[in-house]
Protein backbone atom coordinates (compact mmCIF):
# COMPACT_ATOMS: atom_id res chain seq x y z
CA GLN A 1 0.00 0.00 0.00
CA VAL A 2 1.36 3.39 -1.00
CA GLN A 3 1.80 5.76 1.94
CA LEU A 4 1.39 9.51 1.53
CA VAL A 5 3.33 11.96 3.69
CA GLU A 6 2.69 15.68 3.59
CA SER A 7 5.11 18.43 4.52
CA GLY A 8 5.52 22.16 4.15
CA GLY A 9 2.81 23.43 6.45
CA GLY A 10 3.36 25.98 9.16
CA LEU A 11 2.54 29.44 10.39
CA VAL A 12 2.46 32.14 7.73
CA GLN A 13 1.32 35.75 7.71
CA PRO A 14 -1.62 36.87 5.60
CA GLY A 15 -0.50 37.51 2.05
CA GLY A 16 2.29 34.98 2.30
CA SER A 17 2.90 31.83 0.30
CA LEU A 18 3.54 28.18 0.98
CA ARG A 19 4.37 25.12 -1.05
CA LEU A 20 3.00 21.91 0.35
CA SER A 21 4.56 18.63 -0.68
CA CYS A 22 3.17 15.12 -0.72
CA ALA A 23 5.66 12.28 -0.92
CA ALA A 24 4.38 8.87 -1.96
CA SER A 25 6.20 5.75 -0.79
CA GLY A 26 5.61 4.11 -4.16
CA SER A 27 4.61 4.89 -7.70
CA ILE A 28 1.73 7.31 -8.16
CA PHE A 29 1.10 6.02 -11.68
CA SER A 30 -1.40 3.54 -10.25
CA PHE A 31 -3.61 6.42 -9.14
CA HIS A 32 -5.66 8.13 -11.81
CA ALA A 33 -5.88 11.22 -9.65
CA MET A 34 -3.94 12.83 -6.85
CA GLY A 35 -5.21 15.77 -4.92
CA TRP A 36 -5.30 18.02 -1.91
CA TYR A 37 -8.15 18.46 0.52
CA ARG A 38 -8.38 20.69 3.55
CA GLN A 39 -10.39 20.68 6.74
CA ALA A 40 -10.82 23.68 8.97
CA PRO A 41 -11.99 23.34 12.59
CA GLY A 42 -15.70 22.65 12.72
CA LYS A 43 -16.00 22.35 8.96
CA GLN A 44 -16.24 19.52 6.48
CA ARG A 45 -13.26 18.38 4.50
CA GLU A 46 -13.25 20.06 1.10
CA LEU A 47 -11.44 19.54 -2.16
CA VAL A 48 -8.74 22.09 -2.88
CA ALA A 49 -7.25 20.73 -6.10
CA ALA A 50 -6.79 17.55 -8.11
CA ILE A 51 -4.49 16.42 -10.87
CA THR A 52 -4.76 13.38 -13.11
CA THR A 53 -2.10 11.15 -14.61
CA GLY A 54 -2.59 13.09 -17.83
CA GLY A 55 -1.87 16.38 -16.09
CA GLY A 56 -5.40 17.67 -16.13
CA THR A 57 -6.20 19.85 -13.13
CA SER A 58 -9.33 20.90 -11.32
CA TYR A 59 -9.91 23.14 -8.35
CA GLY A 60 -12.54 23.44 -5.70
CA ASP A 61 -14.97 26.30 -5.65
CA SER A 62 -13.22 29.53 -4.63
CA MET A 63 -9.81 27.88 -4.96
CA LYS A 64 -8.99 29.02 -8.47
CA GLY A 65 -6.34 31.65 -8.86
CA ARG A 66 -4.39 31.25 -5.63
CA PHE A 67 -3.80 27.49 -5.62
CA THR A 68 -1.71 25.55 -8.10
CA ILE A 69 -1.33 21.79 -8.05
CA SER A 70 1.49 19.97 -9.80
CA ARG A 71 3.10 16.56 -9.82
CA ASP A 72 6.51 15.03 -10.45
CA ASP A 73 5.96 11.42 -11.43
CA GLY A 74 9.67 10.67 -11.45
CA LYS A 75 9.90 11.60 -7.79
CA ASN A 76 6.41 10.38 -6.82
CA MET A 77 5.61 13.83 -5.50
CA VAL A 78 2.58 16.08 -5.62
CA TYR A 79 2.76 19.76 -4.75
CA LEU A 80 0.35 22.50 -3.84
CA GLN A 81 1.49 26.08 -4.24
CA VAL A 82 -0.64 28.51 -2.29
CA ASN A 83 -0.27 32.27 -2.73
CA SER A 84 -1.88 35.30 -1.12
CA LEU A 85 -2.82 33.29 1.93
CA LYS A 86 -5.80 34.41 3.97
CA PRO A 87 -6.77 33.60 7.56
CA GLU A 88 -9.65 31.53 6.20
CA ASP A 89 -7.11 29.23 4.53
CA THR A 90 -6.17 28.00 8.00
CA ALA A 91 -6.79 24.25 7.99
CA VAL A 92 -5.21 20.84 7.96
CA TYR A 93 -4.27 20.03 4.38
CA TYR A 94 -4.43 16.39 3.31
CA CYS A 95 -2.93 14.65 0.33
CA ALA A 96 -5.21 12.14 -1.35
CA ALA A 97 -4.96 9.48 -4.03
CA GLY A 98 -7.66 7.77 -6.02
CA ARG A 99 -7.25 4.87 -8.43
CA TYR A 100 -10.29 5.93 -10.44
CA GLY A 101 -10.45 9.62 -9.56
CA LEU A 102 -11.15 11.31 -6.27
CA ALA A 103 -14.84 10.48 -6.01
CA VAL A 104 -13.51 7.65 -3.91
CA VAL A 105 -10.23 8.32 -2.15
CA ASP A 106 -8.15 5.19 -1.76
CA GLN A 107 -5.36 6.65 0.31
CA TRP A 108 -5.03 9.65 2.61
CA GLY A 109 -1.99 11.28 4.11
CA GLN A 110 -1.85 12.25 7.76
CA GLY A 111 -2.21 15.96 7.03
CA THR A 112 -0.14 19.07 7.54
CA GLN A 113 -1.32 22.11 9.47
CA VAL A 114 -1.41 25.49 7.77
CA THR A 115 -2.09 28.48 10.00
CA VAL A 116 -2.47 31.94 8.53
CA SER A 117 -2.20 34.61 11.17
CA SER A 118 -0.42 37.85 11.91
């Protein structure tokens, strides 16, 4: 079973940027889609961005413009670049993998905390 490990979270001031990384313990080719979700306290987990093996990307509502997902298949890595961070972006960000898309997530990472505060 492929394990997913996120990194890159932390405390950042409003307006700042972060790049989150997701390292897979094995090949990500077996997953049709990789993605990032986030969950803020008291809220449901929501899709931030997804990327397919073909490089197609999609973003959750209100995520377009400040979030960019990318992947490096050679390194089995998925990245999420987040710019112009806002306090409402504060959440735990999870890496996800789905063999047939992200309608059903087959593997989750443990999450990385992002806190946006001055």
